[in-house]
C-alpha atoms as a PDB file:
ATOM      1  CA  GLY A   1     224.110-153.945  68.014  1.00  0.00           C
ATOM      2  CA  LYS A   2     224.896-150.507  66.682  1.00  0.00           C
ATOM      3  CA  HIS A   3     224.826-149.482  63.058  1.00  0.00           C
ATOM      4  CA  VAL A   4     225.294-145.728  63.181  1.00  0.00           C
ATOM      5  CA  SER A   5     225.565-143.946  59.838  1.00  0.00           C
ATOM      6  CA  ILE A   6     227.116-140.773  61.259  1.00  0.00           C
ATOM      7  CA  GLN A   7     228.761-140.855  64.675  1.00  0.00           C
ATOM      8  CA  GLY A   8     229.595-137.433  66.090  1.00  0.00           C
ATOM      9  CA  LEU A   9     232.256-136.546  68.610  1.00  0.00           C
ATOM     10  CA  GLU A  10     232.061-136.616  72.411  1.00  0.00           C
ATOM     11  CA  ASN A  11     228.936-138.811  72.573  1.00  0.00           C
ATOM     12  CA  LEU A  12     228.022-140.999  75.517  1.00  0.00           C
ATOM     13  CA  CYS A  13     226.239-144.005  74.079  1.00  0.00           C
ATOM     14  CA  SER A  14     225.207-146.971  76.221  1.00  0.00           C
ATOM     15  CA  GLY A  15     226.397-150.382  75.120  1.00  0.00           C
ATOM     16  CA  ALA A  16     222.837-151.539  75.859  1.00  0.00           C
ATOM     17  CA  ALA A  17     221.312-149.245  73.201  1.00  0.00           C
ATOM     18  CA  GLU A  18     219.943-150.599  69.893  1.00  0.00           C
ATOM     19  CA  ILE A  19     220.706-148.156  67.105  1.00  0.00           C
ATOM     20  CA  SER A  20     220.096-149.220  63.518  1.00  0.00           C
ATOM     21  CA  GLY A  21     221.095-146.865  60.737  1.00  0.00           C
ATOM     22  CA  ALA A  22     220.631-143.641  62.712  1.00  0.00           C
ATOM     23  CA  ASP A  23     222.753-140.478  62.589  1.00  0.00           C
ATOM     24  CA  ILE A  24     223.987-139.389  66.024  1.00  0.00           C
ATOM     25  CA  MET A  25     225.617-135.945  65.984  1.00  0.00           C
ATOM     26  CA  ASN A  26     228.076-134.361  68.467  1.00  0.00           C
ATOM     27  CA  ARG A  27     227.734-134.399  72.279  1.00  0.00           C
ATOM     28  CA  CYS A  28     224.606-136.578  72.463  1.00  0.00           C
ATOM     29  CA  VAL A  29     223.768-138.886  75.355  1.00  0.00           C
ATOM     30  CA  ILE A  30     222.022-142.170  74.511  1.00  0.00           C
ATOM     31  CA  GLY A  31     221.001-144.159  77.582  1.00  0.00           C
ATOM     32  CA  PRO A  32     220.630-147.882  78.218  1.00  0.00           C
ATOM     33  CA  LYS A  33     217.903-149.917  76.541  1.00  0.00           C
ATOM     34  CA  VAL A  34     217.205-147.115  74.049  1.00  0.00           C
ATOM     35  CA  SER A  35     216.016-148.148  70.585  1.00  0.00           C
ATOM     36  CA  ILE A  36     216.509-145.800  67.613  1.00  0.00           C
ATOM     37  CA  GLY A  37     215.114-146.692  64.182  1.00  0.00           C
ATOM     38  CA  LYS A  38     216.724-146.343  60.776  1.00  0.00           C
ATOM     39  CA  GLY A  39     217.004-142.956  59.132  1.00  0.00           C
ATOM     40  CA  THR A  40     216.573-141.084  62.418  1.00  0.00           C
ATOM     41  CA  LEU A  41     218.703-138.024  63.172  1.00  0.00           C
ATOM     42  CA  VAL A  42     219.643-137.282  66.784  1.00  0.00           C
ATOM     43  CA  ASN A  43     221.092-133.793  66.537  1.00  0.00           C
ATOM     44  CA  THR A  44     223.767-132.029  68.596  1.00  0.00           C
ATOM     45  CA  ALA A  45     223.612-132.294  72.397  1.00  0.00           C
ATOM     46  CA  ALA A  46     220.284-134.160  72.471  1.00  0.00           C
ATOM     47  CA  LEU A  47     219.658-136.380  75.504  1.00  0.00           C
ATOM     48  CA  VAL A  48     217.784-139.671  75.060  1.00  0.00           C
ATOM     49  CA  HIS A  49     217.280-141.289  78.445  1.00  0.00           C
ATOM     50  CA  HIS A  50     216.838-144.951  79.410  1.00  0.00           C
ATOM     51  CA  GLU A  51     214.347-147.206  77.626  1.00  0.00           C
ATOM     52  CA  ALA A  52     213.231-144.557  75.111  1.00  0.00           C
ATOM     53  CA  GLN A  53     211.907-145.983  71.847  1.00  0.00           C
ATOM     54  CA  ILE A  54     212.347-143.824  68.722  1.00  0.00           C
ATOM     55  CA  GLY A  55     210.822-144.896  65.429  1.00  0.00           C
ATOM     56  CA  GLU A  56     212.164-144.593  61.901  1.00  0.00           C
ATOM     57  CA  PHE A  57     212.975-141.349  60.069  1.00  0.00           C
ATOM     58  CA  CYS A  58     212.505-139.104  63.101  1.00  0.00           C
ATOM     59  CA  GLU A  59     214.372-135.880  63.744  1.00  0.00           C
ATOM     60  CA  ILE A  60     215.467-134.987  67.254  1.00  0.00           C
ATOM     61  CA  ALA A  61     216.635-131.350  67.120  1.00  0.00           C
ATOM     62  CA  PRO A  62     219.587-129.907  69.062  1.00  0.00           C
ATOM     63  CA  ARG A  63     219.358-130.018  72.871  1.00  0.00           C
ATOM     64  CA  ALA A  64     216.029-131.877  72.897  1.00  0.00           C
ATOM     65  CA  VAL A  65     215.509-134.084  75.962  1.00  0.00           C
ATOM     66  CA  LEU A  66     213.593-137.381  75.865  1.00  0.00           C
ATOM     67  CA  LEU A  67     213.226-138.719  79.388  1.00  0.00           C
ATOM     68  CA  GLY A  68     212.808-142.347  80.457  1.00  0.00           C
ATOM     69  CA  LYS A  69     210.483-144.695  78.596  1.00  0.00           C
ATOM     70  CA  VAL A  70     209.398-142.064  76.033  1.00  0.00           C
ATOM     71  CA  SER A  71     208.026-143.615  72.850  1.00  0.00           C
ATOM     72  CA  LEU A  72     208.075-141.834  69.475  1.00  0.00           C
ATOM     73  CA  GLY A  73     206.338-143.219  66.384  1.00  0.00           C
ATOM     74  CA  ASN A  74     207.773-142.920  62.886  1.00  0.00           C
ATOM     75  CA  GLN A  75     208.540-139.580  61.191  1.00  0.00           C
ATOM     76  CA  VAL A  76     208.245-137.551  64.402  1.00  0.00           C
ATOM     77  CA  MET A  77     209.966-134.149  64.601  1.00  0.00           C
ATOM     78  CA  VAL A  78     211.057-132.951  68.051  1.00  0.00           C
ATOM     79  CA  GLY A  79     212.045-129.265  68.067  1.00  0.00           C
ATOM     80  CA  ALA A  80     215.152-127.738  69.616  1.00  0.00           C
ATOM     81  CA  ASN A  81     215.187-127.575  73.422  1.00  0.00           C
ATOM     82  CA  ALA A  82     211.900-129.501  73.697  1.00  0.00           C
ATOM     83  CA  THR A  83     211.486-131.810  76.690  1.00  0.00           C
ATOM     84  CA  ILE A  84     209.308-134.925  76.615  1.00  0.00           C
ATOM     85  CA  LEU A  85     208.515-136.114  80.136  1.00  0.00           C
ATOM     86  CA  PRO A  86     208.829-139.782  81.205  1.00  0.00           C
ATOM     87  CA  GLY A  87     206.493-142.381  79.748  1.00  0.00           C
ATOM     88  CA  ILE A  88     204.914-140.129  77.088  1.00  0.00           C
ATOM     89  CA  LYS A  89     203.874-141.809  73.820  1.00  0.00           C
ATOM     90  CA  VAL A  90     203.983-139.671  70.655  1.00  0.00           C
ATOM     91  CA  GLY A  91     202.234-140.935  67.505  1.00  0.00           C
ATOM     92  CA  ASP A  92     203.483-141.162  63.927  1.00  0.00           C
ATOM     93  CA  GLY A  93     204.045-137.898  62.091  1.00  0.00           C
ATOM     94  CA  ALA A  94     203.730-135.637  65.146  1.00  0.00           C
ATOM     95  CA  VAL A  95     205.598-132.338  65.297  1.00  0.00           C
ATOM     96  CA  ILE A  96     206.708-131.024  68.694  1.00  0.00           C
ATOM     97  CA  GLY A  97     207.610-127.348  68.696  1.00  0.00           C
ATOM     98  CA  ALA A  98     210.914-125.911  69.837  1.00  0.00           C
ATOM     99  CA  GLY A  99     211.015-125.330  73.584  1.00  0.00           C
ATOM    100  CA  ALA A 100     207.840-127.334  74.242  1.00  0.00           C
ATOM    101  CA  VAL A 101     207.355-129.392  77.381  1.00  0.00           C
ATOM    102  CA  VAL A 102     205.259-132.476  76.588  1.00  0.00           C
ATOM    103  CA  THR A 103     203.381-133.770  79.647  1.00  0.00           C
END
């Protein structure tokens, strides 16, 4: 089920996504089988592709892209315009700089 604290405008959010207590801002795309933990912010125009797992209290900055099967721990910060390539696992507390490409 979905329990979204803030739901922005013009989002595309899969019915097969599990979102619990996250804030999803404007123009985001949340793919199927995505899991987003409580207290997480998915900021404007971020793309979270299929089967991504995002922990609790993360921040996904504007226009960040998380490709398929990406896994983020808790309290991870993903900078604006960063791209995380498919299947990458990011540990708790990591900070990914703006514009980074994580391989």
